[in-house]
Each structure stands twice: as structure tokens, then as C-alpha cells.
Amino acid sequence: MPLRYPDPAKPKQMLDTLAEQAVMPYRHYYWPDTRIDAELEPELREVSRICQSTSLSAQWSKQEDADRAIDHIEYGGDGVRLSVQCSPWHYHDNPAGKHDPRGWGQWATADLSRQRGYYQNILRLLDDRAEVAHVYLDQEQLRFELPGASESELVTIRRALIEKNNAALDLVREYFPGAEIQWFENGPDSKHHVFGEESLTWPISTSLYNINELLGMFARANDMHEVCTTTPRDVGGDYDGRHWTANIGLGGYYERGVPKPSKGWQGLPYEVANDWWLGRGLGLDYDRDEPGRDGMDASLFRYGYSWPTPMSKRCGNVGETSRWLYHFLAYVAGSHNQQESEPIGTNQTGWLDTETI
């Protein structure tokens, strides 16, 4: 059955089309939206059902956001899991040096207290109505690669980074025992983590966005698979749950609707077919040796995480409906290998061949 793609000139078709979609073959968490337009809340409810997740911001969410998350869980059924996003070591004043993790001065103790307060507030907002099943930590401020640091300083810096990140993990485990934890961009090449030495190694994660070439994203996914299958046991390889997750930006990520696009984007339209292919590669684990295209090995891929938030104004708008939703539909269709009435590459063209929404 081909996907009935909504007409951008008739944005009211979008809600009906979303309601027809089955859940994706893998769970897809997303960055919480604390300022969603009221007229788009029904669309977000369908997105949550399809993704089998809903989300809250540890720092910014209010009571209405928690109530919306509960509504998503009730609407989408038992499979919808609640994710909480927090940014440890992000909103701090570190006078010792830019992004320098050393020391437990006032900035560090204050930030750790803030993290504790955030989690206490989430529990208050939920009031035992739902359990937190997933926590997303986007630690991207502290780093061990500091310009000009000596080798001996780097050793101290790395130890301090491990200590800070483990402290953040301990708080999550204290308030949300049993919740799965995901770091932003952690792995052997991360500047913000020390792979195998922090108390959370798996899942490793990477970002499959802001790359114009689809094959570049496939290559990055294959790199994640390589790490999972070749990591020595003394660097976290002894855990039999080795897997990876992906941060995914649909519609070209943040370049869409931004006045000054990044150098790699140049303001060109982003084809919805790119998101279809990405969804297909992750959803079907199709062969990396498929003729004519470098595929990806997604056999150890666990789930995705979307940034920016669904229907973000960063992605631009089409009438009353966000451009993001059109790319989301393509992504979902790809995850199910749901195509048009005519296969791609025939003389007849369809939305996958022509639309650059």
C-alpha cells in the first residue's frame, strides 16, 4: 500500500495521514517540546504514538508538559515510554578555564545541585502517574581536549571528566532506577567522554545529521557497528548488551529555516528521499553491500533520538504544518519499506523523487 503523502497546500491532511501510520520498527525518542503551538498538539500525539515515546525536559518542563506526556502514554498504549532530557554541566560558570572539568569549586557543586533539583521536580510533576524509562544526557560542554594543555594536565583533566560524568550518572540512577541512560555523542572518539572508563559505556551514540551526503551517514553508522563488534574487553567490550543509538535530524537538521545555513548546506532544498533512505537503512538493516549503494549494518542499532524537537520552527513551516512532519512521514515510510505505487528509478516519478520540502 503506497503512502498517501499530504499535499503541502492542504495542511489539514497531515493529521489524517499521521493517524494511518503504524508504529516504527524501533523506538524513536525525541527532544522535548515545551513550547509547542496548541494547534499542533494532535499531530504531536500521533508522533508520540508512532515513535512509541514521549518526553520531558528536566530543566524546562512545566505541569502542562507533564500532563501532555501522560496523555501521550494513555493514547499510544503501554508501548509508549517516557524519556527525560537533562544537560549536566551545561548551565554553569567555570572560571578556571573554558570547558575545563577540573576542580569541585562552586560552579560544579552548584550544577550538581541543579541536576538534583531538576529530577526532584520531574517526580513532582509526574506524581506517580508514569515511570521514567529513558534519560538522555547531552553533556557537550566539559571536555578533556583543551588547547595548550600539557600531557600531564590532560591526564588530570581526563580523570576529572570521568568523575564529573559519573556523578551525573549516579544522580540519574538515584532518582530513576531502572531507566536506560543515553549520553550524547559518547564513544571512542568523543571529546566529552572517556570511553570504557565512565560507569556507562553502552549504548554508544553518534549523530546522523548535518551531513549532506547520505552515504556519509551510512558510513558513520557502520563505524558504530565496528566499535560494537571490535571493542576489546578491557575497554568496555565485556558487556554483552553492546549496541548503538543515533541522534537524527530530519529535513536537513537545523539548517532548515536558519538565516545563515552552515557551510555544508548552502541553503539548498533537502530531499525527503534522504530521510526515507535513512529510515529504511535503520529499520530494515539492509545489506551494506547492496549493489549501487553503500548500505549500513544496523543489526546492533537500538533506537533513535531526534533533535531538534518535532515540528521545531528551526525546520520551517508549510502553511499550518511544520516541514518536519513531511520528512518524518518519509522517515517512517522508509522504516517500513513503504514505497510509492511505482518503485524509485522508474520513468514515473512521485514524491520521493521530486519533493524537496
Protein backbone atom coordinates (compact mmCIF):
# COMPACT_ATOMS: atom_id res chain seq x y z
CA MET A 1 0.00 0.00 0.00
CA PRO A 2 1.70 3.25 -1.09
CA LEU A 3 2.00 6.11 1.35
CA ARG A 4 -0.65 8.77 0.84
CA TYR A 5 1.54 11.83 1.08
CA PRO A 6 -0.24 15.01 2.25
CA ASP A 7 -0.49 17.94 -0.11
CA PRO A 8 1.57 20.82 1.37
CA ALA A 9 -1.12 23.17 0.11
CA LYS A 10 -3.67 21.33 2.25
CA PRO A 11 -2.03 21.05 5.68
CA LYS A 12 -5.14 19.62 7.33
CA GLN A 13 -4.44 16.35 5.50
CA MET A 14 -1.39 15.80 7.70
CA LEU A 15 -3.21 14.71 10.85
CA ASP A 16 -5.26 12.11 8.99
CA THR A 17 -2.14 10.75 7.30
CA LEU A 18 -0.26 10.50 10.60
CA ALA A 19 -3.17 8.63 12.16
CA GLU A 20 -2.86 5.96 9.44
CA GLN A 21 0.78 5.16 10.19
CA ALA A 22 1.88 2.09 12.11
CA VAL A 23 4.48 2.40 14.87
CA MET A 24 8.08 2.27 13.70
CA PRO A 25 10.02 -1.00 13.97
CA TYR A 26 12.34 0.64 16.51
CA ARG A 27 11.58 3.16 19.24
CA HIS A 28 12.44 6.75 18.48
CA TYR A 29 12.84 9.18 21.38
CA TYR A 30 12.78 12.90 20.73
CA TRP A 31 13.92 16.19 22.23
CA PRO A 32 11.11 17.56 24.42
CA ASP A 33 8.96 20.39 23.12
CA THR A 34 7.93 22.74 25.92
CA ARG A 35 6.53 25.46 23.66
CA ILE A 36 4.53 23.59 21.04
CA ASP A 37 1.79 25.51 19.26
CA ALA A 38 -1.59 24.41 20.63
CA GLU A 39 -2.97 23.72 17.15
CA LEU A 40 -0.21 21.14 16.56
CA GLU A 41 -0.75 19.13 19.74
CA PRO A 42 -2.89 16.49 17.95
CA GLU A 43 -0.03 15.95 15.50
CA LEU A 44 2.47 15.57 18.34
CA ARG A 45 0.20 12.99 19.94
CA GLU A 46 0.36 10.91 16.74
CA VAL A 47 4.12 11.40 16.51
CA SER A 48 4.44 10.02 20.05
CA ARG A 49 2.29 7.01 19.16
CA ILE A 50 4.34 6.28 16.04
CA CYS A 51 7.65 6.78 17.88
CA GLN A 52 6.38 4.89 20.96
CA SER A 53 7.79 7.59 23.20
CA THR A 54 7.11 10.94 24.79
CA SER A 55 9.48 13.29 26.55
CA LEU A 56 10.05 15.89 29.23
CA SER A 57 12.80 18.41 29.84
CA ALA A 58 14.35 18.08 33.28
CA GLN A 59 15.02 21.80 33.35
CA TRP A 60 12.23 23.45 31.38
CA SER A 61 9.10 21.28 31.52
CA LYS A 62 6.09 22.50 33.48
CA GLN A 63 2.89 20.88 34.69
CA GLU A 64 1.16 21.19 31.32
CA ASP A 65 4.06 19.37 29.67
CA ALA A 66 3.84 16.50 32.15
CA ASP A 67 0.09 16.31 31.61
CA ARG A 68 0.66 16.18 27.85
CA ALA A 69 3.15 13.35 28.29
CA ILE A 70 0.62 11.38 30.33
CA ASP A 71 -1.94 11.95 27.58
CA HIS A 72 0.52 10.55 25.02
CA ILE A 73 1.05 7.45 27.13
CA GLU A 74 -2.68 6.88 27.55
CA TYR A 75 -3.34 7.50 23.86
CA GLY A 76 -0.47 5.41 22.50
CA GLY A 77 -0.84 2.45 24.81
CA ASP A 78 1.54 0.51 27.02
CA GLY A 79 4.34 0.69 24.47
CA VAL A 80 4.87 4.45 24.85
CA ARG A 81 7.86 5.11 27.10
CA LEU A 82 8.72 8.33 28.87
CA SER A 83 12.10 9.97 28.30
CA VAL A 84 13.62 12.81 30.31
CA GLN A 85 16.30 15.08 28.84
CA CYS A 86 18.89 16.79 31.01
CA SER A 87 22.04 18.81 30.25
CA PRO A 88 24.60 18.15 33.02
CA TRP A 89 27.48 20.61 33.32
CA HIS A 90 25.84 22.79 30.68
CA TYR A 91 24.50 25.83 32.51
CA HIS A 92 27.46 26.64 34.71
CA ASP A 93 30.09 29.29 35.31
CA ASN A 94 33.54 27.72 35.17
CA PRO A 95 36.12 30.47 35.76
CA ALA A 96 39.05 28.02 35.90
CA GLY A 97 39.09 27.66 32.13
CA LYS A 98 36.76 27.18 29.20
CA HIS A 99 35.24 23.69 29.34
CA ASP A 100 37.79 22.63 31.97
CA PRO A 101 36.32 19.86 34.17
CA ARG A 102 38.94 20.08 36.91
CA GLY A 103 38.01 21.00 40.45
CA TRP A 104 34.89 20.82 42.57
CA GLY A 105 34.51 24.52 43.10
CA GLN A 106 31.29 26.47 43.44
CA TRP A 107 30.35 26.06 39.77
CA ALA A 108 30.48 22.26 39.95
CA THR A 109 28.66 21.79 43.25
CA ALA A 110 26.02 24.31 42.15
CA ASP A 111 25.45 22.48 38.85
CA LEU A 112 25.17 19.13 40.59
CA SER A 113 22.59 20.64 42.96
CA ARG A 114 20.67 21.95 39.96
CA GLN A 115 20.62 18.49 38.41
CA ARG A 116 19.22 17.04 41.64
CA GLY A 117 16.56 19.75 41.74
CA TYR A 118 15.56 19.05 38.14
CA TYR A 119 14.92 15.37 38.86
CA GLN A 120 13.01 16.10 42.02
CA ASN A 121 10.80 18.45 40.02
CA ILE A 122 10.13 15.81 37.34
CA LEU A 123 8.96 13.37 40.00
CA ARG A 124 6.73 16.06 41.47
CA LEU A 125 5.18 16.84 38.07
CA LEU A 126 4.54 13.17 37.31
CA ASP A 127 3.07 12.44 40.75
CA ASP A 128 3.45 8.66 40.29
CA ARG A 129 1.43 8.68 37.06
CA ALA A 130 4.25 7.27 34.91
CA GLU A 131 7.75 5.88 35.26
CA VAL A 132 10.76 7.42 33.58
CA ALA A 133 12.09 4.72 31.24
CA HIS A 134 14.84 6.63 29.45
CA VAL A 135 17.13 9.54 30.32
CA TYR A 136 19.01 11.49 27.66
CA LEU A 137 22.10 13.34 28.90
CA ASP A 138 23.57 15.83 26.45
CA GLN A 139 26.86 16.53 28.16
CA GLU A 140 28.66 18.51 25.48
CA GLN A 141 30.37 21.28 27.43
CA LEU A 142 33.10 19.69 29.52
CA ARG A 143 35.90 18.13 27.50
CA PHE A 144 39.32 16.62 28.03
CA GLU A 145 40.92 18.04 24.87
CA LEU A 146 41.81 21.55 25.99
CA PRO A 147 44.01 23.71 23.74
CA GLY A 148 47.50 24.16 25.11
CA ALA A 149 47.21 21.57 27.88
CA SER A 150 50.34 19.53 28.61
CA GLU A 151 50.34 15.73 28.68
CA SER A 152 50.35 15.69 32.49
CA GLU A 153 47.48 18.18 32.56
CA LEU A 154 45.49 16.05 30.12
CA VAL A 155 45.76 13.08 32.46
CA THR A 156 44.29 15.16 35.31
CA ILE A 157 41.63 16.60 33.05
CA ARG A 158 40.54 13.16 31.83
CA ARG A 159 40.27 11.87 35.39
CA ALA A 160 38.19 14.89 36.36
CA LEU A 161 35.91 14.40 33.36
CA ILE A 162 35.28 10.80 34.34
CA GLU A 163 34.48 11.91 37.90
CA LYS A 164 32.03 14.60 36.77
CA ASN A 165 30.22 12.37 34.29
CA ASN A 166 29.96 9.52 36.79
CA ALA A 167 28.49 11.93 39.35
CA ALA A 168 25.80 12.90 36.83
CA LEU A 169 25.08 9.22 36.16
CA ASP A 170 24.80 8.46 39.87
CA LEU A 171 22.08 11.11 40.24
CA VAL A 172 20.06 9.65 37.37
CA ARG A 173 20.28 6.19 38.91
CA GLU A 174 19.24 7.55 42.29
CA TYR A 175 16.06 9.22 41.03
CA PHE A 176 15.14 6.99 38.10
CA PRO A 177 16.34 3.47 38.96
CA GLY A 178 15.96 1.12 36.06
CA ALA A 179 15.82 3.84 33.42
CA GLU A 180 18.01 3.35 30.37
CA ILE A 181 20.57 6.13 30.02
CA GLN A 182 21.92 7.59 26.80
CA TRP A 183 24.81 10.03 26.54
CA PHE A 184 25.03 12.45 23.66
CA GLU A 185 27.94 11.52 21.37
CA ASN A 186 29.81 9.04 23.54
CA GLY A 187 32.28 6.58 22.14
CA PRO A 188 35.98 6.13 21.48
CA ASP A 189 36.28 9.40 19.54
CA SER A 190 34.30 11.61 21.91
CA LYS A 191 35.95 14.66 23.46
CA HIS A 192 33.32 14.77 26.19
CA HIS A 193 33.64 11.19 27.47
CA VAL A 194 36.36 8.69 28.31
CA PHE A 195 35.13 5.52 26.65
CA GLY A 196 35.23 2.43 28.87
CA GLU A 197 36.24 4.38 31.99
CA GLU A 198 32.95 6.06 32.83
CA SER A 199 30.30 3.98 34.56
CA LEU A 200 28.16 3.93 31.42
CA THR A 201 29.66 2.56 28.22
CA TRP A 202 26.70 1.24 26.25
CA PRO A 203 24.93 2.37 24.25
CA ILE A 204 27.44 4.39 22.31
CA SER A 205 25.89 7.09 20.17
CA THR A 206 26.55 9.18 17.12
CA SER A 207 24.79 11.92 15.18
CA LEU A 208 23.34 11.11 11.78
CA TYR A 209 22.60 14.66 10.73
CA ASN A 210 24.15 17.73 9.20
CA ILE A 211 25.73 15.52 6.56
CA ASN A 212 24.61 16.30 3.03
CA GLU A 213 25.82 13.03 1.63
CA LEU A 214 23.53 10.18 2.68
CA LEU A 215 26.43 7.77 2.25
CA GLY A 216 28.33 9.75 4.88
CA MET A 217 25.61 8.96 7.39
CA PHE A 218 25.69 5.30 6.38
CA ALA A 219 29.45 5.25 6.87
CA ARG A 220 29.10 6.73 10.34
CA ALA A 221 26.53 4.09 11.23
CA ASN A 222 28.92 1.39 10.05
CA ASP A 223 31.63 2.91 12.25
CA MET A 224 29.33 2.46 15.25
CA HIS A 225 28.78 -1.18 14.32
CA GLU A 226 32.53 -1.64 14.04
CA VAL A 227 33.10 -0.25 17.53
CA CYS A 228 30.45 -2.54 18.99
CA THR A 229 31.93 -5.64 17.40
CA THR A 230 35.66 -4.98 17.85
CA THR A 231 35.93 -3.23 21.24
CA PRO A 232 38.45 -5.02 23.47
CA ARG A 233 37.10 -6.47 26.71
CA ASP A 234 39.27 -4.21 28.84
CA VAL A 235 37.63 -1.13 27.29
CA GLY A 236 34.02 -1.99 27.96
CA GLY A 237 33.80 -4.85 25.50
CA ASP A 238 32.80 -7.45 28.06
CA TYR A 239 29.20 -6.21 28.23
CA ASP A 240 27.01 -8.48 26.14
CA GLY A 241 24.48 -5.70 25.52
CA ARG A 242 26.71 -3.79 23.13
CA HIS A 243 24.61 -1.58 20.90
CA TRP A 244 24.49 1.93 19.49
CA THR A 245 21.95 4.69 19.09
CA ALA A 246 21.66 7.61 16.69
CA ASN A 247 20.81 11.26 17.06
CA ILE A 248 18.77 12.02 13.96
CA GLY A 249 17.91 15.38 12.41
CA LEU A 250 15.14 15.17 9.83
CA GLY A 251 14.77 17.64 6.99
CA GLY A 252 18.41 18.65 6.99
CA TYR A 253 18.51 19.32 10.75
CA TYR A 254 18.98 22.89 11.93
CA GLU A 255 19.82 24.41 8.56
CA ARG A 256 16.16 24.39 7.61
CA GLY A 257 14.75 27.85 8.23
CA VAL A 258 18.01 29.29 9.60
CA PRO A 259 19.02 32.65 8.05
CA LYS A 260 22.67 31.66 7.74
CA PRO A 261 22.97 27.97 6.83
CA SER A 262 26.07 26.00 7.67
CA LYS A 263 28.85 25.72 5.13
CA GLY A 264 27.91 22.16 4.25
CA TRP A 265 24.32 23.07 3.46
CA GLN A 266 24.42 26.20 1.31
CA GLY A 267 20.68 26.73 1.68
CA LEU A 268 19.69 24.06 -0.87
CA PRO A 269 16.38 22.19 -0.50
CA TYR A 270 16.65 18.91 1.34
CA GLU A 271 15.11 15.93 -0.45
CA VAL A 272 12.62 13.91 1.52
CA ALA A 273 14.09 10.82 -0.15
CA ASN A 274 17.17 11.22 2.06
CA ASP A 275 15.07 10.73 5.18
CA TRP A 276 13.25 7.81 3.52
CA TRP A 277 16.56 6.07 2.82
CA LEU A 278 17.83 6.74 6.34
CA GLY A 279 14.68 5.30 7.88
CA ARG A 280 14.92 2.27 5.62
CA GLY A 281 18.56 1.64 6.45
CA LEU A 282 17.96 1.78 10.20
CA GLY A 283 14.62 -0.02 10.11
CA LEU A 284 15.48 -2.90 7.82
CA ASP A 285 19.18 -3.40 8.49
CA TYR A 286 19.65 -3.70 4.76
CA ASP A 287 22.86 -5.11 3.36
CA ARG A 288 25.82 -2.75 3.32
CA ASP A 289 26.87 -4.47 0.09
CA GLU A 290 23.67 -3.76 -1.78
CA PRO A 291 24.63 -3.09 -5.42
CA GLY A 292 24.95 0.56 -6.33
CA ARG A 293 24.71 1.86 -2.79
CA ASP A 294 26.81 1.57 0.35
CA GLY A 295 24.35 0.24 2.90
CA MET A 296 24.62 0.15 6.64
CA ASP A 297 24.73 -2.65 9.16
CA ALA A 298 22.08 -1.74 11.71
CA SER A 299 21.89 -5.11 13.42
CA LEU A 300 23.18 -3.56 16.67
CA PHE A 301 21.18 -0.35 16.35
CA ARG A 302 18.79 0.02 19.31
CA TYR A 303 16.82 3.27 18.92
CA GLY A 304 16.94 6.80 17.55
CA TYR A 305 16.78 10.20 19.20
CA SER A 306 15.51 13.20 17.26
CA TRP A 307 16.88 16.73 17.51
CA PRO A 308 15.58 19.37 17.10
CA THR A 309 12.20 18.75 18.65
CA PRO A 310 9.30 17.58 16.46
CA MET A 311 7.79 20.43 14.43
CA SER A 312 10.52 22.78 15.55
CA LYS A 313 10.38 26.19 13.91
CA ARG A 314 14.03 25.59 13.07
CA CYS A 315 12.70 23.25 10.39
CA GLY A 316 10.45 25.89 8.84
CA ASN A 317 6.74 25.79 8.16
CA VAL A 318 4.44 24.86 5.30
CA GLY A 319 1.19 26.69 5.87
CA GLU A 320 -0.12 25.50 9.21
CA THR A 321 2.03 22.36 9.26
CA SER A 322 5.71 22.07 10.02
CA ARG A 323 8.05 20.92 7.25
CA TRP A 324 9.46 18.50 9.80
CA LEU A 325 6.32 16.37 9.59
CA TYR A 326 6.75 15.74 5.87
CA HIS A 327 10.26 14.48 6.44
CA PHE A 328 9.03 12.48 9.44
CA LEU A 329 6.48 10.73 7.23
CA ALA A 330 9.19 9.85 4.73
CA TYR A 331 11.39 8.53 7.56
CA VAL A 332 8.56 6.40 8.97
CA ALA A 333 7.67 5.11 5.50
CA GLY A 334 11.29 4.15 4.91
CA SER A 335 11.47 2.28 8.22
CA HIS A 336 8.61 0.08 6.96
CA ASN A 337 10.00 -0.08 3.41
CA GLN A 338 6.74 1.55 2.40
CA GLN A 339 7.11 2.87 -1.13
CA GLU A 340 5.08 4.55 -3.81
CA SER A 341 2.94 2.80 -6.37
CA GLU A 342 5.93 2.82 -8.72
CA PRO A 343 9.42 1.89 -7.46
CA ILE A 344 12.10 4.54 -7.31
CA GLY A 345 14.05 4.69 -10.54
CA THR A 346 11.17 4.03 -12.96
CA ASN A 347 10.03 6.55 -15.53
CA GLN A 348 7.16 7.58 -13.30
CA THR A 349 8.11 9.96 -10.54
CA GLY A 350 6.48 10.51 -7.19
CA TRP A 351 7.05 12.45 -4.00
CA LEU A 352 10.22 10.52 -3.17
CA ASP A 353 11.77 11.59 -6.45
CA THR A 354 10.60 15.17 -6.64
CA GLU A 355 9.68 16.67 -3.29
CA THR A 356 12.26 18.92 -1.62
CA ILE A 357 10.04 20.13 1.19
